[in-house]
Amino acid sequence: MSSEDTVVKSGSGQHEKDGTSHSRELKEVTVTVDGVEKRVPRGAYVVSAFKQLVGVDASRELDEIVHGEFKPLDDNATIEIERHEKFVSHVRTGSSS
């Protein structure tokens, strides 16, 4: 799967799957995942596809670090990658009563 295949089309000038482009090209940005910098195309991603793109095992949870706080991300949610986002993965935790 190429990185362009994982980008959710949003009509915001990104490349379409047929290779045509609109007003601007996909631009790569740097994100940090588990302390390691990764270059990915800017855009919207389903979390599960983003995890695969940046090398996070599907069995792990992914949190985004926003203003020093951990924001859990559901695997089916859509996230917007714009610039310098930071993420951390961890073993899934279960809840017990």
N, C-alpha and C. Protein backbone atom coordinates (compact mmCIF):
# COMPACT_ATOMS: atom_id res chain seq x y z
N MET A 1 0.85 -1.17 0.00
CA MET A 1 0.00 0.00 0.00
C MET A 1 0.89 1.23 0.00
N SER A 2 0.70 2.13 -0.95
CA SER A 2 1.50 3.35 -0.98
C SER A 2 0.92 4.36 -0.01
N SER A 3 1.73 5.34 0.34
CA SER A 3 1.25 6.35 1.29
C SER A 3 0.10 7.14 0.70
N GLU A 4 0.06 7.32 -0.63
CA GLU A 4 -1.05 8.05 -1.22
C GLU A 4 -2.34 7.27 -1.10
N ASP A 5 -2.28 5.93 -1.07
CA ASP A 5 -3.47 5.11 -0.94
C ASP A 5 -4.11 5.25 0.44
N THR A 6 -3.33 5.65 1.45
CA THR A 6 -3.87 5.75 2.80
C THR A 6 -4.46 7.12 3.08
N VAL A 7 -4.21 8.10 2.22
CA VAL A 7 -4.75 9.43 2.44
C VAL A 7 -6.22 9.44 2.09
N VAL A 8 -7.02 9.98 2.96
CA VAL A 8 -8.45 10.10 2.72
C VAL A 8 -8.65 11.31 1.81
N LYS A 9 -9.38 11.15 0.73
CA LYS A 9 -9.63 12.27 -0.16
C LYS A 9 -10.49 13.29 0.56
N SER A 10 -10.06 14.54 0.52
CA SER A 10 -10.83 15.58 1.18
C SER A 10 -11.19 16.71 0.23
N GLY A 11 -10.73 16.63 -1.01
CA GLY A 11 -11.03 17.69 -1.95
C GLY A 11 -10.27 18.96 -1.66
N SER A 12 -9.20 18.88 -0.89
CA SER A 12 -8.46 20.09 -0.52
C SER A 12 -7.21 20.26 -1.36
N GLY A 13 -7.27 19.85 -2.63
CA GLY A 13 -6.15 20.08 -3.50
C GLY A 13 -5.12 18.98 -3.45
N GLN A 14 -5.45 17.82 -2.94
CA GLN A 14 -4.49 16.73 -2.86
C GLN A 14 -4.56 15.90 -4.13
N HIS A 15 -3.53 15.08 -4.33
CA HIS A 15 -3.52 14.19 -5.48
C HIS A 15 -4.68 13.21 -5.39
N GLU A 16 -5.32 12.97 -6.51
CA GLU A 16 -6.33 11.92 -6.58
C GLU A 16 -5.60 10.62 -6.89
N LYS A 17 -6.27 9.49 -6.71
CA LYS A 17 -5.63 8.20 -6.91
C LYS A 17 -5.18 7.98 -8.35
N ASP A 18 -5.75 8.73 -9.31
CA ASP A 18 -5.33 8.55 -10.70
C ASP A 18 -4.08 9.35 -11.02
N GLY A 19 -3.51 10.02 -10.02
CA GLY A 19 -2.26 10.74 -10.20
C GLY A 19 -2.42 12.19 -10.59
N THR A 20 -3.66 12.65 -10.85
CA THR A 20 -3.84 14.05 -11.18
C THR A 20 -3.76 14.88 -9.91
N SER A 21 -3.43 16.14 -10.06
CA SER A 21 -3.36 16.99 -8.89
C SER A 21 -4.22 18.22 -9.10
N HIS A 22 -4.56 18.85 -8.00
CA HIS A 22 -5.35 20.08 -8.05
C HIS A 22 -4.39 21.25 -7.84
N SER A 23 -4.79 22.22 -7.08
CA SER A 23 -4.04 23.46 -6.96
C SER A 23 -2.70 23.32 -6.23
N ARG A 24 -2.55 22.31 -5.40
CA ARG A 24 -1.27 22.15 -4.71
C ARG A 24 -0.91 20.68 -4.61
N GLU A 25 0.35 20.41 -4.45
CA GLU A 25 0.84 19.04 -4.39
C GLU A 25 0.79 18.54 -2.95
N LEU A 26 0.80 17.22 -2.80
CA LEU A 26 0.93 16.65 -1.47
C LEU A 26 2.27 17.09 -0.92
N LYS A 27 2.29 17.52 0.31
CA LYS A 27 3.53 17.99 0.91
C LYS A 27 3.84 17.11 2.11
N GLU A 28 5.05 16.63 2.16
CA GLU A 28 5.44 15.81 3.30
C GLU A 28 5.75 16.68 4.51
N VAL A 29 5.37 16.16 5.66
CA VAL A 29 5.66 16.82 6.93
C VAL A 29 6.31 15.81 7.85
N THR A 30 6.96 16.29 8.88
CA THR A 30 7.59 15.42 9.86
C THR A 30 6.69 15.25 11.06
N VAL A 31 6.44 14.00 11.44
CA VAL A 31 5.72 13.68 12.67
C VAL A 31 6.66 12.85 13.53
N THR A 32 6.40 12.81 14.81
CA THR A 32 7.21 12.01 15.72
C THR A 32 6.34 10.90 16.28
N VAL A 33 6.82 9.65 16.14
CA VAL A 33 6.09 8.49 16.64
C VAL A 33 7.05 7.71 17.54
N ASP A 34 6.70 7.60 18.81
CA ASP A 34 7.54 6.90 19.79
C ASP A 34 8.97 7.45 19.80
N GLY A 35 9.09 8.77 19.67
CA GLY A 35 10.39 9.42 19.74
C GLY A 35 11.19 9.39 18.45
N VAL A 36 10.62 8.83 17.38
CA VAL A 36 11.32 8.72 16.10
C VAL A 36 10.62 9.60 15.08
N GLU A 37 11.38 10.45 14.39
CA GLU A 37 10.79 11.30 13.37
C GLU A 37 10.50 10.50 12.11
N LYS A 38 9.33 10.75 11.52
CA LYS A 38 8.90 10.09 10.29
C LYS A 38 8.39 11.16 9.33
N ARG A 39 8.66 10.99 8.03
CA ARG A 39 8.14 11.89 7.00
C ARG A 39 6.91 11.24 6.37
N VAL A 40 5.78 11.96 6.38
CA VAL A 40 4.54 11.44 5.81
C VAL A 40 3.87 12.57 5.02
N PRO A 41 3.07 12.21 4.02
CA PRO A 41 2.32 13.24 3.31
C PRO A 41 1.28 13.89 4.22
N ARG A 42 1.16 15.19 4.13
CA ARG A 42 0.14 15.93 4.86
C ARG A 42 -1.23 15.46 4.39
N GLY A 43 -2.21 15.38 5.29
CA GLY A 43 -3.56 15.01 4.89
C GLY A 43 -4.32 14.31 5.99
N ALA A 44 -5.49 13.81 5.63
CA ALA A 44 -6.35 13.10 6.56
C ALA A 44 -6.11 11.60 6.44
N TYR A 45 -6.05 10.93 7.58
CA TYR A 45 -5.79 9.48 7.63
C TYR A 45 -6.76 8.81 8.58
N VAL A 46 -7.17 7.61 8.25
CA VAL A 46 -7.83 6.74 9.22
C VAL A 46 -6.71 6.26 10.13
N VAL A 47 -6.91 6.28 11.44
CA VAL A 47 -5.84 5.97 12.40
C VAL A 47 -5.18 4.63 12.10
N SER A 48 -5.97 3.60 11.79
CA SER A 48 -5.38 2.28 11.53
C SER A 48 -4.44 2.32 10.33
N ALA A 49 -4.78 3.08 9.28
CA ALA A 49 -3.91 3.20 8.11
C ALA A 49 -2.67 4.02 8.45
N PHE A 50 -2.83 5.06 9.26
CA PHE A 50 -1.69 5.87 9.67
C PHE A 50 -0.70 5.04 10.48
N LYS A 51 -1.22 4.19 11.38
CA LYS A 51 -0.35 3.32 12.17
C LYS A 51 0.47 2.43 11.26
N GLN A 52 -0.15 1.85 10.25
CA GLN A 52 0.56 0.99 9.31
C GLN A 52 1.63 1.80 8.56
N LEU A 53 1.30 3.01 8.14
CA LEU A 53 2.22 3.87 7.40
C LEU A 53 3.47 4.19 8.20
N VAL A 54 3.32 4.44 9.52
CA VAL A 54 4.46 4.84 10.34
C VAL A 54 5.08 3.69 11.11
N GLY A 55 4.60 2.46 10.87
CA GLY A 55 5.23 1.29 11.46
C GLY A 55 4.80 0.93 12.87
N VAL A 56 3.60 1.32 13.26
CA VAL A 56 3.08 0.95 14.58
C VAL A 56 2.23 -0.31 14.40
N ASP A 57 2.52 -1.34 15.19
CA ASP A 57 1.78 -2.59 15.11
C ASP A 57 0.29 -2.35 15.37
N ALA A 58 -0.55 -3.04 14.61
CA ALA A 58 -2.00 -2.88 14.72
C ALA A 58 -2.53 -3.24 16.11
N SER A 59 -1.79 -4.07 16.86
CA SER A 59 -2.25 -4.48 18.18
C SER A 59 -2.04 -3.40 19.24
N ARG A 60 -1.29 -2.35 18.89
CA ARG A 60 -1.00 -1.29 19.86
C ARG A 60 -1.97 -0.13 19.72
N GLU A 61 -2.19 0.58 20.82
CA GLU A 61 -2.99 1.80 20.79
C GLU A 61 -2.08 2.96 20.42
N LEU A 62 -2.66 3.99 19.83
CA LEU A 62 -1.91 5.18 19.46
C LEU A 62 -2.55 6.38 20.12
N ASP A 63 -1.73 7.20 20.77
CA ASP A 63 -2.20 8.44 21.38
C ASP A 63 -1.48 9.59 20.69
N GLU A 64 -2.18 10.71 20.53
CA GLU A 64 -1.55 11.92 20.05
C GLU A 64 -1.24 12.78 21.26
N ILE A 65 -0.07 13.38 21.27
CA ILE A 65 0.31 14.27 22.37
C ILE A 65 -0.05 15.69 21.95
N VAL A 66 -1.02 16.27 22.66
CA VAL A 66 -1.51 17.61 22.35
C VAL A 66 -1.33 18.48 23.59
N HIS A 67 -0.50 19.50 23.49
CA HIS A 67 -0.22 20.41 24.61
C HIS A 67 0.18 19.63 25.86
N GLY A 68 1.01 18.60 25.68
CA GLY A 68 1.52 17.83 26.80
C GLY A 68 0.57 16.78 27.35
N GLU A 69 -0.60 16.65 26.77
CA GLU A 69 -1.57 15.65 27.23
C GLU A 69 -1.76 14.57 26.18
N PHE A 70 -1.99 13.34 26.64
CA PHE A 70 -2.19 12.20 25.75
C PHE A 70 -3.65 12.11 25.34
N LYS A 71 -3.89 12.11 24.04
CA LYS A 71 -5.25 12.02 23.49
C LYS A 71 -5.38 10.67 22.79
N PRO A 72 -6.12 9.71 23.39
CA PRO A 72 -6.28 8.39 22.77
C PRO A 72 -6.97 8.50 21.41
N LEU A 73 -6.50 7.71 20.45
CA LEU A 73 -7.06 7.72 19.10
C LEU A 73 -7.70 6.36 18.80
N ASP A 74 -8.96 6.38 18.42
CA ASP A 74 -9.65 5.16 18.02
C ASP A 74 -9.15 4.75 16.64
N ASP A 75 -8.94 3.45 16.42
CA ASP A 75 -8.42 2.96 15.15
C ASP A 75 -9.29 3.34 13.96
N ASN A 76 -10.58 3.58 14.17
CA ASN A 76 -11.49 3.91 13.08
C ASN A 76 -11.69 5.42 12.89
N ALA A 77 -11.08 6.21 13.76
CA ALA A 77 -11.22 7.66 13.67
C ALA A 77 -10.35 8.21 12.54
N THR A 78 -10.65 9.42 12.13
CA THR A 78 -9.85 10.10 11.11
C THR A 78 -9.07 11.22 11.80
N ILE A 79 -7.78 11.30 11.47
CA ILE A 79 -6.94 12.36 12.03
C ILE A 79 -6.39 13.20 10.88
N GLU A 80 -6.11 14.44 11.17
CA GLU A 80 -5.54 15.36 10.18
C GLU A 80 -4.07 15.58 10.51
N ILE A 81 -3.21 15.25 9.57
CA ILE A 81 -1.77 15.47 9.74
C ILE A 81 -1.43 16.76 9.01
N GLU A 82 -0.98 17.76 9.79
CA GLU A 82 -0.68 19.06 9.21
C GLU A 82 0.78 19.45 9.37
N ARG A 83 1.31 19.30 10.59
CA ARG A 83 2.71 19.67 10.83
C ARG A 83 3.15 19.24 12.22
N HIS A 84 4.22 18.56 12.30
CA HIS A 84 4.93 18.25 13.55
C HIS A 84 4.10 17.59 14.65
N GLU A 85 3.06 16.83 14.30
CA GLU A 85 2.29 16.13 15.32
C GLU A 85 3.17 15.09 16.01
N LYS A 86 2.85 14.82 17.27
CA LYS A 86 3.60 13.83 18.05
C LYS A 86 2.65 12.74 18.53
N PHE A 87 3.13 11.49 18.43
CA PHE A 87 2.33 10.34 18.80
C PHE A 87 3.16 9.39 19.65
N VAL A 88 2.46 8.60 20.45
CA VAL A 88 3.11 7.54 21.22
C VAL A 88 2.19 6.32 21.16
N SER A 89 2.81 5.15 20.97
CA SER A 89 2.03 3.92 20.96
C SER A 89 2.28 3.18 22.27
N HIS A 90 1.31 2.34 22.63
CA HIS A 90 1.45 1.56 23.86
C HIS A 90 0.56 0.33 23.78
N VAL A 91 0.84 -0.63 24.65
CA VAL A 91 0.04 -1.85 24.71
C VAL A 91 -1.39 -1.47 25.07
N ARG A 92 -2.33 -2.11 24.43
CA ARG A 92 -3.74 -1.85 24.75
C ARG A 92 -4.01 -2.23 26.20
N THR A 93 -4.80 -1.39 26.85
CA THR A 93 -5.16 -1.68 28.24
C THR A 93 -6.63 -2.05 28.30
N GLY A 94 -6.93 -3.06 29.07
CA GLY A 94 -8.31 -3.49 29.26
C GLY A 94 -8.86 -2.86 30.51
N SER A 95 -10.16 -2.86 30.62
CA SER A 95 -10.75 -2.32 31.84
C SER A 95 -11.39 -3.47 32.61
N SER A 96 -11.29 -3.39 33.90
CA SER A 96 -11.93 -4.40 34.73
C SER A 96 -12.68 -3.68 35.86
N SER A 97 -13.72 -4.32 36.35
CA SER A 97 -14.49 -3.67 37.39
C SER A 97 -14.25 -4.26 38.74
